[in-house]
Amino acid sequence: MIQGLSIPFGASDKFDFGGFGVDWKIDGDLTERRFSVVHHPLAPRTLAAPLHRHHREDEYSYVISGKLGALLGDDVVIAGPGAWVLKRREQWHTFWNAGDSPCEIIEIISPAGFENYFRDMRAIWPDTTRLGAIAQKYALDVKIESIPALCSRFGLKLPGPPR
């Protein structure tokens, strides 16, 4: 484990899935795989993912700005700046920008490893036909068919082509 680390603003690897961004901050190899940290900017009214559940990790989302919406099992949560949203492993969930202005969250993933899912998705984006193999690699169950109902229910759009 690295004893000390400073990550200057703007120095990390980034990708924008067209309204859902990933800014890798701390990779698991720096924490002995205990956790990783990513920053997610979300465009207004954008769905980040279909309903899904992780079998290996928990996600802790801290809202920096805007309004984060999350479906956690059957519970709908709307969280503002300063709030934490816990997405537990084995729980079906999704999240989105619930407002009309940008939303930014910091996500702690524990244990580490899932931060690389976004790198694998970046490699195939926007062709998601290989999503199944990537989801299997990360022990992730995904309900693609949930997208239309989620968008309709919460007034959302999907991320667009890469930017």
N, C-alpha and C. Protein backbone atom coordinates (compact mmCIF):
# COMPACT_ATOMS: atom_id res chain seq x y z
N MET A 1 0.85 -1.19 0.00
CA MET A 1 0.00 0.00 0.00
C MET A 1 0.88 1.24 0.00
N ILE A 2 0.49 2.22 -0.76
CA ILE A 2 1.21 3.49 -0.80
C ILE A 2 0.93 4.23 0.50
N GLN A 3 1.98 4.76 1.12
CA GLN A 3 1.84 5.43 2.42
C GLN A 3 1.16 6.80 2.33
N GLY A 4 1.41 7.52 1.28
CA GLY A 4 0.79 8.83 1.10
C GLY A 4 0.54 9.09 -0.37
N LEU A 5 -0.49 9.82 -0.65
CA LEU A 5 -0.83 10.06 -2.04
C LEU A 5 -1.64 11.34 -2.14
N SER A 6 -1.29 12.17 -3.09
CA SER A 6 -2.07 13.36 -3.40
C SER A 6 -2.43 13.28 -4.87
N ILE A 7 -3.72 13.41 -5.17
CA ILE A 7 -4.19 13.36 -6.55
C ILE A 7 -4.62 14.76 -6.93
N PRO A 8 -3.83 15.45 -7.74
CA PRO A 8 -4.20 16.82 -8.14
C PRO A 8 -5.51 16.85 -8.92
N PHE A 9 -6.23 17.94 -8.79
CA PHE A 9 -7.47 18.13 -9.53
C PHE A 9 -7.20 17.98 -11.02
N GLY A 10 -8.03 17.18 -11.69
CA GLY A 10 -7.93 17.00 -13.13
C GLY A 10 -6.86 16.03 -13.59
N ALA A 11 -6.19 15.36 -12.65
CA ALA A 11 -5.07 14.48 -13.02
C ALA A 11 -5.49 13.04 -13.28
N SER A 12 -6.73 12.69 -13.02
CA SER A 12 -7.14 11.29 -13.15
C SER A 12 -7.68 10.97 -14.54
N ASP A 13 -7.81 9.67 -14.80
CA ASP A 13 -8.37 9.16 -16.04
C ASP A 13 -9.88 9.40 -16.02
N LYS A 14 -10.45 9.83 -17.16
CA LYS A 14 -11.88 10.16 -17.22
C LYS A 14 -12.50 9.61 -18.50
N PHE A 15 -13.82 9.38 -18.42
CA PHE A 15 -14.58 9.04 -19.61
C PHE A 15 -16.02 9.50 -19.42
N ASP A 16 -16.62 10.00 -20.48
CA ASP A 16 -18.01 10.44 -20.45
C ASP A 16 -18.82 9.52 -21.36
N PHE A 17 -19.76 8.80 -20.76
CA PHE A 17 -20.63 7.92 -21.53
C PHE A 17 -21.78 8.70 -22.16
N GLY A 18 -21.65 10.02 -22.23
CA GLY A 18 -22.68 10.85 -22.85
C GLY A 18 -23.74 11.28 -21.86
N GLY A 19 -23.32 11.78 -20.71
CA GLY A 19 -24.24 12.22 -19.67
C GLY A 19 -24.01 11.51 -18.36
N PHE A 20 -23.29 10.42 -18.40
CA PHE A 20 -22.86 9.69 -17.19
C PHE A 20 -21.35 9.56 -17.28
N GLY A 21 -20.65 10.28 -16.43
CA GLY A 21 -19.20 10.29 -16.49
C GLY A 21 -18.57 9.42 -15.42
N VAL A 22 -17.33 9.04 -15.69
CA VAL A 22 -16.52 8.31 -14.71
C VAL A 22 -15.17 9.00 -14.67
N ASP A 23 -14.77 9.36 -13.48
CA ASP A 23 -13.47 9.98 -13.22
C ASP A 23 -12.84 9.11 -12.14
N TRP A 24 -11.90 8.26 -12.55
CA TRP A 24 -11.26 7.34 -11.62
C TRP A 24 -10.34 8.11 -10.69
N LYS A 25 -10.56 8.02 -9.39
CA LYS A 25 -9.79 8.77 -8.41
C LYS A 25 -8.77 7.90 -7.69
N ILE A 26 -9.22 6.81 -7.08
CA ILE A 26 -8.32 5.92 -6.34
C ILE A 26 -8.62 4.49 -6.76
N ASP A 27 -7.67 3.85 -7.41
CA ASP A 27 -7.83 2.46 -7.83
C ASP A 27 -7.50 1.51 -6.68
N GLY A 28 -8.05 0.32 -6.76
CA GLY A 28 -7.87 -0.68 -5.71
C GLY A 28 -6.43 -1.10 -5.48
N ASP A 29 -5.58 -1.01 -6.48
CA ASP A 29 -4.19 -1.41 -6.26
C ASP A 29 -3.47 -0.45 -5.31
N LEU A 30 -4.05 0.72 -5.06
CA LEU A 30 -3.47 1.67 -4.11
C LEU A 30 -3.95 1.44 -2.68
N THR A 31 -4.95 0.57 -2.51
CA THR A 31 -5.55 0.37 -1.19
C THR A 31 -5.53 -1.10 -0.75
N GLU A 32 -4.66 -1.87 -1.34
CA GLU A 32 -4.62 -3.33 -1.08
C GLU A 32 -5.99 -3.96 -1.35
N ARG A 33 -6.70 -3.43 -2.36
CA ARG A 33 -7.99 -3.92 -2.83
C ARG A 33 -9.13 -3.71 -1.82
N ARG A 34 -8.89 -2.93 -0.78
CA ARG A 34 -9.95 -2.71 0.22
C ARG A 34 -11.07 -1.84 -0.31
N PHE A 35 -10.74 -0.82 -1.09
CA PHE A 35 -11.76 0.06 -1.64
C PHE A 35 -11.19 0.79 -2.84
N SER A 36 -12.08 1.40 -3.62
CA SER A 36 -11.69 2.30 -4.70
C SER A 36 -12.66 3.47 -4.68
N VAL A 37 -12.29 4.54 -5.38
CA VAL A 37 -13.12 5.74 -5.42
C VAL A 37 -13.23 6.22 -6.85
N VAL A 38 -14.47 6.49 -7.27
CA VAL A 38 -14.73 7.11 -8.57
C VAL A 38 -15.62 8.33 -8.35
N HIS A 39 -15.52 9.27 -9.26
CA HIS A 39 -16.36 10.46 -9.27
C HIS A 39 -17.29 10.31 -10.47
N HIS A 40 -18.59 10.47 -10.24
CA HIS A 40 -19.58 10.36 -11.31
C HIS A 40 -20.32 11.69 -11.50
N PRO A 41 -20.03 12.42 -12.58
CA PRO A 41 -20.92 13.52 -12.94
C PRO A 41 -22.09 12.98 -13.76
N LEU A 42 -23.27 13.48 -13.48
CA LEU A 42 -24.49 13.03 -14.17
C LEU A 42 -25.22 14.24 -14.74
N ALA A 43 -25.54 14.16 -16.02
CA ALA A 43 -26.32 15.21 -16.67
C ALA A 43 -27.75 15.21 -16.12
N PRO A 44 -28.45 16.33 -16.23
CA PRO A 44 -29.82 16.40 -15.73
C PRO A 44 -30.70 15.27 -16.27
N ARG A 45 -31.47 14.69 -15.36
CA ARG A 45 -32.47 13.66 -15.69
C ARG A 45 -31.89 12.47 -16.46
N THR A 46 -30.66 12.08 -16.14
CA THR A 46 -30.00 10.96 -16.82
C THR A 46 -29.94 9.73 -15.92
N LEU A 47 -30.37 8.60 -16.46
CA LEU A 47 -30.28 7.31 -15.79
C LEU A 47 -28.85 6.80 -15.93
N ALA A 48 -28.24 6.42 -14.82
CA ALA A 48 -26.85 5.93 -14.86
C ALA A 48 -26.75 4.47 -15.30
N ALA A 49 -27.73 3.66 -14.94
CA ALA A 49 -27.65 2.22 -15.21
C ALA A 49 -29.02 1.58 -15.11
N PRO A 50 -29.21 0.46 -15.78
CA PRO A 50 -30.45 -0.30 -15.55
C PRO A 50 -30.45 -0.88 -14.15
N LEU A 51 -31.55 -1.45 -13.74
CA LEU A 51 -31.56 -2.17 -12.46
C LEU A 51 -30.46 -3.22 -12.48
N HIS A 52 -29.72 -3.31 -11.38
CA HIS A 52 -28.62 -4.28 -11.31
C HIS A 52 -28.32 -4.58 -9.84
N ARG A 53 -27.57 -5.65 -9.64
CA ARG A 53 -27.10 -5.96 -8.28
C ARG A 53 -25.69 -6.55 -8.36
N HIS A 54 -24.92 -6.17 -7.37
CA HIS A 54 -23.54 -6.64 -7.25
C HIS A 54 -23.51 -7.81 -6.28
N HIS A 55 -22.69 -8.79 -6.57
CA HIS A 55 -22.54 -9.92 -5.65
C HIS A 55 -21.29 -9.80 -4.79
N ARG A 56 -20.39 -8.86 -5.13
CA ARG A 56 -19.12 -8.78 -4.39
C ARG A 56 -18.89 -7.48 -3.65
N GLU A 57 -19.55 -6.39 -4.03
CA GLU A 57 -19.17 -5.12 -3.42
C GLU A 57 -20.38 -4.29 -3.01
N ASP A 58 -20.12 -3.41 -2.04
CA ASP A 58 -21.06 -2.37 -1.63
C ASP A 58 -20.60 -1.07 -2.27
N GLU A 59 -21.55 -0.16 -2.51
CA GLU A 59 -21.22 1.16 -3.04
C GLU A 59 -21.79 2.22 -2.10
N TYR A 60 -20.96 3.20 -1.78
CA TYR A 60 -21.33 4.29 -0.91
C TYR A 60 -21.22 5.57 -1.73
N SER A 61 -22.36 6.21 -2.00
CA SER A 61 -22.39 7.39 -2.86
C SER A 61 -22.59 8.65 -2.02
N TYR A 62 -21.66 9.60 -2.17
CA TYR A 62 -21.74 10.88 -1.49
C TYR A 62 -22.12 11.94 -2.51
N VAL A 63 -23.19 12.66 -2.25
CA VAL A 63 -23.68 13.67 -3.18
C VAL A 63 -22.91 14.98 -2.97
N ILE A 64 -22.18 15.39 -4.01
CA ILE A 64 -21.45 16.66 -3.97
C ILE A 64 -22.37 17.81 -4.34
N SER A 65 -23.12 17.62 -5.44
CA SER A 65 -24.03 18.67 -5.91
C SER A 65 -25.20 18.04 -6.65
N GLY A 66 -26.28 18.80 -6.73
CA GLY A 66 -27.46 18.32 -7.45
C GLY A 66 -28.32 17.40 -6.60
N LYS A 67 -29.17 16.64 -7.30
CA LYS A 67 -30.09 15.71 -6.62
C LYS A 67 -29.88 14.31 -7.20
N LEU A 68 -29.49 13.39 -6.35
CA LEU A 68 -29.30 11.99 -6.75
C LEU A 68 -30.56 11.21 -6.42
N GLY A 69 -31.10 10.54 -7.43
CA GLY A 69 -32.21 9.62 -7.20
C GLY A 69 -31.66 8.21 -7.19
N ALA A 70 -32.25 7.36 -6.36
CA ALA A 70 -31.82 5.96 -6.31
C ALA A 70 -33.02 5.09 -5.99
N LEU A 71 -33.08 3.96 -6.66
CA LEU A 71 -34.06 2.93 -6.36
C LEU A 71 -33.28 1.82 -5.67
N LEU A 72 -33.59 1.59 -4.39
CA LEU A 72 -32.88 0.61 -3.57
C LEU A 72 -33.90 -0.46 -3.16
N GLY A 73 -33.91 -1.57 -3.89
CA GLY A 73 -34.98 -2.53 -3.69
C GLY A 73 -36.27 -1.88 -4.14
N ASP A 74 -37.23 -1.73 -3.21
CA ASP A 74 -38.50 -1.06 -3.52
C ASP A 74 -38.53 0.39 -3.08
N ASP A 75 -37.47 0.85 -2.40
CA ASP A 75 -37.44 2.20 -1.86
C ASP A 75 -36.82 3.20 -2.83
N VAL A 76 -37.50 4.33 -3.00
CA VAL A 76 -36.97 5.42 -3.81
C VAL A 76 -36.40 6.46 -2.86
N VAL A 77 -35.16 6.87 -3.14
CA VAL A 77 -34.47 7.85 -2.31
C VAL A 77 -34.06 9.02 -3.21
N ILE A 78 -34.28 10.22 -2.73
CA ILE A 78 -33.77 11.43 -3.39
C ILE A 78 -32.83 12.09 -2.38
N ALA A 79 -31.57 12.25 -2.77
CA ALA A 79 -30.56 12.77 -1.84
C ALA A 79 -29.91 14.02 -2.41
N GLY A 80 -29.71 15.00 -1.54
CA GLY A 80 -29.08 16.25 -1.94
C GLY A 80 -27.64 16.34 -1.45
N PRO A 81 -27.01 17.47 -1.69
CA PRO A 81 -25.62 17.67 -1.32
C PRO A 81 -25.37 17.35 0.16
N GLY A 82 -24.30 16.61 0.39
CA GLY A 82 -23.91 16.22 1.74
C GLY A 82 -24.49 14.89 2.19
N ALA A 83 -25.43 14.33 1.44
CA ALA A 83 -26.06 13.06 1.82
C ALA A 83 -25.25 11.88 1.29
N TRP A 84 -25.36 10.76 1.99
CA TRP A 84 -24.78 9.48 1.57
C TRP A 84 -25.91 8.55 1.19
N VAL A 85 -25.70 7.76 0.14
CA VAL A 85 -26.65 6.71 -0.27
C VAL A 85 -25.87 5.41 -0.32
N LEU A 86 -26.32 4.42 0.44
CA LEU A 86 -25.66 3.11 0.50
C LEU A 86 -26.38 2.14 -0.41
N LYS A 87 -25.63 1.57 -1.34
CA LYS A 87 -26.16 0.55 -2.25
C LYS A 87 -25.47 -0.76 -1.88
N ARG A 88 -26.17 -1.60 -1.15
CA ARG A 88 -25.59 -2.83 -0.61
C ARG A 88 -25.48 -3.93 -1.66
N ARG A 89 -24.46 -4.74 -1.52
CA ARG A 89 -24.35 -5.91 -2.40
C ARG A 89 -25.59 -6.78 -2.23
N GLU A 90 -25.94 -7.47 -3.28
CA GLU A 90 -27.11 -8.35 -3.35
C GLU A 90 -28.44 -7.60 -3.39
N GLN A 91 -28.43 -6.27 -3.38
CA GLN A 91 -29.66 -5.49 -3.44
C GLN A 91 -29.84 -4.95 -4.86
N TRP A 92 -30.99 -5.20 -5.46
CA TRP A 92 -31.29 -4.61 -6.76
C TRP A 92 -31.36 -3.10 -6.58
N HIS A 93 -30.71 -2.37 -7.48
CA HIS A 93 -30.69 -0.91 -7.37
C HIS A 93 -30.34 -0.27 -8.70
N THR A 94 -30.57 1.01 -8.75
CA THR A 94 -30.10 1.87 -9.84
C THR A 94 -30.04 3.28 -9.30
N PHE A 95 -29.49 4.20 -10.10
CA PHE A 95 -29.43 5.60 -9.66
C PHE A 95 -29.44 6.52 -10.87
N TRP A 96 -29.76 7.79 -10.61
CA TRP A 96 -29.92 8.77 -11.69
C TRP A 96 -29.81 10.18 -11.13
N ASN A 97 -29.70 11.14 -12.04
CA ASN A 97 -29.79 12.54 -11.66
C ASN A 97 -31.27 12.87 -11.60
N ALA A 98 -31.76 13.22 -10.42
CA ALA A 98 -33.18 13.48 -10.21
C ALA A 98 -33.55 14.94 -10.40
N GLY A 99 -32.60 15.76 -10.86
CA GLY A 99 -32.87 17.18 -10.99
C GLY A 99 -32.67 17.71 -12.40
N ASP A 100 -32.88 19.00 -12.53
CA ASP A 100 -32.74 19.68 -13.81
C ASP A 100 -31.39 20.40 -13.96
N SER A 101 -30.49 20.16 -13.03
CA SER A 101 -29.13 20.70 -13.12
C SER A 101 -28.17 19.53 -12.91
N PRO A 102 -26.90 19.72 -13.24
CA PRO A 102 -25.94 18.61 -13.08
C PRO A 102 -25.88 18.09 -11.64
N CYS A 103 -25.57 16.82 -11.53
CA CYS A 103 -25.39 16.17 -10.24
C CYS A 103 -24.01 15.53 -10.25
N GLU A 104 -23.33 15.60 -9.13
CA GLU A 104 -22.03 14.95 -9.01
C GLU A 104 -21.99 14.15 -7.72
N ILE A 105 -21.47 12.93 -7.84
CA ILE A 105 -21.31 12.09 -6.66
C ILE A 105 -19.89 11.52 -6.62
N ILE A 106 -19.45 11.24 -5.43
CA ILE A 106 -18.23 10.46 -5.20
C ILE A 106 -18.71 9.10 -4.74
N GLU A 107 -18.17 8.05 -5.35
CA GLU A 107 -18.60 6.70 -5.00
C GLU A 107 -17.41 5.91 -4.46
N ILE A 108 -17.60 5.38 -3.27
CA ILE A 108 -16.62 4.48 -2.67
C ILE A 108 -17.11 3.06 -2.92
N ILE A 109 -16.26 2.25 -3.50
CA ILE A 109 -16.60 0.86 -3.85
C ILE A 109 -15.77 -0.04 -2.94
N SER A 110 -16.44 -0.94 -2.22
CA SER A 110 -15.72 -1.80 -1.28
C SER A 110 -16.26 -3.22 -1.34
N PRO A 111 -15.36 -4.20 -1.54
CA PRO A 111 -13.94 -4.04 -1.82
C PRO A 111 -13.73 -3.52 -3.24
N ALA A 112 -12.49 -3.20 -3.55
CA ALA A 112 -12.14 -2.64 -4.85
C ALA A 112 -12.25 -3.68 -5.95
N GLY A 113 -12.21 -3.21 -7.17
CA GLY A 113 -12.23 -4.06 -8.35
C GLY A 113 -13.28 -3.62 -9.35
N PHE A 114 -14.45 -3.23 -8.85
CA PHE A 114 -15.53 -2.86 -9.74
C PHE A 114 -15.25 -1.57 -10.50
N GLU A 115 -14.30 -0.76 -10.03
CA GLU A 115 -13.95 0.46 -10.77
C GLU A 115 -13.49 0.12 -12.19
N ASN A 116 -12.98 -1.09 -12.38
CA ASN A 116 -12.52 -1.52 -13.70
C ASN A 116 -13.66 -1.92 -14.64
N TYR A 117 -14.84 -2.16 -14.09
CA TYR A 117 -16.03 -2.41 -14.91
C TYR A 117 -16.22 -1.24 -15.89
N PHE A 118 -16.07 -0.02 -15.38
CA PHE A 118 -16.27 1.15 -16.22
C PHE A 118 -15.20 1.24 -17.31
N ARG A 119 -14.01 0.78 -17.04
CA ARG A 119 -12.96 0.75 -18.07
C ARG A 119 -13.32 -0.27 -19.15
N ASP A 120 -13.82 -1.41 -18.72
CA ASP A 120 -14.23 -2.43 -19.70
C ASP A 120 -15.41 -1.94 -20.54
N MET A 121 -16.33 -1.23 -19.92
CA MET A 121 -17.46 -0.67 -20.67
C MET A 121 -16.98 0.41 -21.63
N ARG A 122 -16.03 1.22 -21.22
CA ARG A 122 -15.47 2.25 -22.10
C ARG A 122 -14.89 1.61 -23.37
N ALA A 123 -14.27 0.44 -23.21
CA ALA A 123 -13.63 -0.23 -24.34
C ALA A 123 -14.64 -0.68 -25.40
N ILE A 124 -15.89 -0.93 -25.02
CA ILE A 124 -16.89 -1.40 -25.99
C ILE A 124 -17.91 -0.33 -26.35
N TRP A 125 -17.95 0.77 -25.62
CA TRP A 125 -18.98 1.80 -25.78
C TRP A 125 -18.96 2.40 -27.18
N PRO A 126 -20.07 2.63 -27.84
CA PRO A 126 -21.43 2.49 -27.36
C PRO A 126 -22.08 1.14 -27.69
N ASP A 127 -21.32 0.19 -28.21
CA ASP A 127 -21.86 -1.14 -28.54
C ASP A 127 -21.93 -1.97 -27.27
N THR A 128 -23.11 -2.06 -26.69
CA THR A 128 -23.27 -2.78 -25.42
C THR A 128 -23.66 -4.25 -25.61
N THR A 129 -23.49 -4.78 -26.82
CA THR A 129 -23.85 -6.17 -27.05
C THR A 129 -22.97 -7.13 -26.25
N ARG A 130 -21.80 -6.67 -25.81
CA ARG A 130 -20.91 -7.52 -25.01
C ARG A 130 -21.06 -7.27 -23.51
N LEU A 131 -22.10 -6.55 -23.14
CA LEU A 131 -22.35 -6.26 -21.73
C LEU A 131 -22.46 -7.53 -20.90
N GLY A 132 -23.08 -8.56 -21.44
CA GLY A 132 -23.28 -9.81 -20.68
C GLY A 132 -21.98 -10.41 -20.19
N ALA A 133 -20.98 -10.47 -21.05
CA ALA A 133 -19.69 -11.03 -20.65
C ALA A 133 -19.00 -10.16 -19.61
N ILE A 134 -19.13 -8.84 -19.76
CA ILE A 134 -18.51 -7.93 -18.79
C ILE A 134 -19.22 -8.04 -17.45
N ALA A 135 -20.54 -8.09 -17.46
CA ALA A 135 -21.30 -8.24 -16.22
C ALA A 135 -20.93 -9.53 -15.50
N GLN A 136 -20.78 -10.60 -16.26
CA GLN A 136 -20.40 -11.88 -15.66
C GLN A 136 -19.01 -11.79 -15.02
N LYS A 137 -18.09 -11.14 -15.67
CA LYS A 137 -16.73 -10.96 -15.14
C LYS A 137 -16.75 -10.29 -13.77
N TYR A 138 -17.69 -9.36 -13.57
CA TYR A 138 -17.78 -8.60 -12.33
C TYR A 138 -18.88 -9.09 -11.39
N ALA A 139 -19.41 -10.28 -11.63
CA ALA A 139 -20.47 -10.86 -10.78
C ALA A 139 -21.61 -9.85 -10.60
N LEU A 140 -22.08 -9.34 -11.73
CA LEU A 140 -23.11 -8.32 -11.75
C LEU A 140 -24.32 -8.85 -12.51
N ASP A 141 -25.49 -8.80 -11.88
CA ASP A 141 -26.74 -9.14 -12.56
C ASP A 141 -27.34 -7.84 -13.08
N VAL A 142 -27.78 -7.82 -14.33
CA VAL A 142 -28.31 -6.61 -14.96
C VAL A 142 -29.66 -6.92 -15.60
N LYS A 143 -30.64 -6.04 -15.36
CA LYS A 143 -31.96 -6.15 -15.99
C LYS A 143 -32.10 -5.04 -17.03
N ILE A 144 -31.55 -5.29 -18.23
CA ILE A 144 -31.62 -4.31 -19.32
C ILE A 144 -33.08 -3.93 -19.60
N GLU A 145 -33.97 -4.90 -19.47
CA GLU A 145 -35.38 -4.65 -19.78
C GLU A 145 -36.03 -3.64 -18.83
N SER A 146 -35.35 -3.28 -17.73
CA SER A 146 -35.90 -2.31 -16.78
C SER A 146 -35.79 -0.86 -17.27
N ILE A 147 -34.96 -0.62 -18.28
CA ILE A 147 -34.67 0.76 -18.71
C ILE A 147 -35.91 1.54 -19.13
N PRO A 148 -36.76 1.03 -20.04
CA PRO A 148 -37.93 1.85 -20.44
C PRO A 148 -38.83 2.23 -19.28
N ALA A 149 -39.09 1.29 -18.37
CA ALA A 149 -39.97 1.59 -17.23
C ALA A 149 -39.33 2.60 -16.28
N LEU A 150 -38.03 2.48 -16.06
CA LEU A 150 -37.33 3.44 -15.19
C LEU A 150 -37.38 4.84 -15.80
N CYS A 151 -37.10 4.94 -17.09
CA CYS A 151 -37.12 6.24 -17.76
C CYS A 151 -38.51 6.85 -17.71
N SER A 152 -39.53 6.05 -17.94
CA SER A 152 -40.91 6.54 -17.90
C SER A 152 -41.31 6.95 -16.48
N ARG A 153 -41.04 6.10 -15.52
CA ARG A 153 -41.45 6.34 -14.13
C ARG A 153 -40.82 7.60 -13.55
N PHE A 154 -39.52 7.83 -13.85
CA PHE A 154 -38.80 8.93 -13.21
C PHE A 154 -38.48 10.09 -14.16
N GLY A 155 -38.98 10.04 -15.40
CA GLY A 155 -38.77 11.11 -16.36
C GLY A 155 -37.31 11.27 -16.76
N LEU A 156 -36.68 10.15 -17.14
CA LEU A 156 -35.25 10.13 -17.40
C LEU A 156 -34.92 9.84 -18.85
N LYS A 157 -33.66 10.07 -19.20
CA LYS A 157 -33.12 9.70 -20.50
C LYS A 157 -31.88 8.84 -20.24
N LEU A 158 -31.46 8.16 -21.29
CA LEU A 158 -30.25 7.33 -21.20
C LEU A 158 -29.02 8.15 -21.59
N PRO A 159 -27.84 7.75 -21.11
CA PRO A 159 -26.62 8.39 -21.61
C PRO A 159 -26.54 8.24 -23.13
N GLY A 160 -25.91 9.20 -23.80
CA GLY A 160 -25.83 9.20 -25.25
C GLY A 160 -24.50 8.68 -25.76
N PRO A 161 -24.19 8.96 -27.02
CA PRO A 161 -22.93 8.51 -27.62
C PRO A 161 -21.73 9.10 -26.89
N PRO A 162 -20.55 8.49 -27.04
CA PRO A 162 -19.37 8.97 -26.31
C PRO A 162 -18.99 10.39 -26.71
N ARG A 163 -18.41 11.08 -25.73
CA ARG A 163 -17.99 12.46 -25.96
C ARG A 163 -16.50 12.57 -25.75
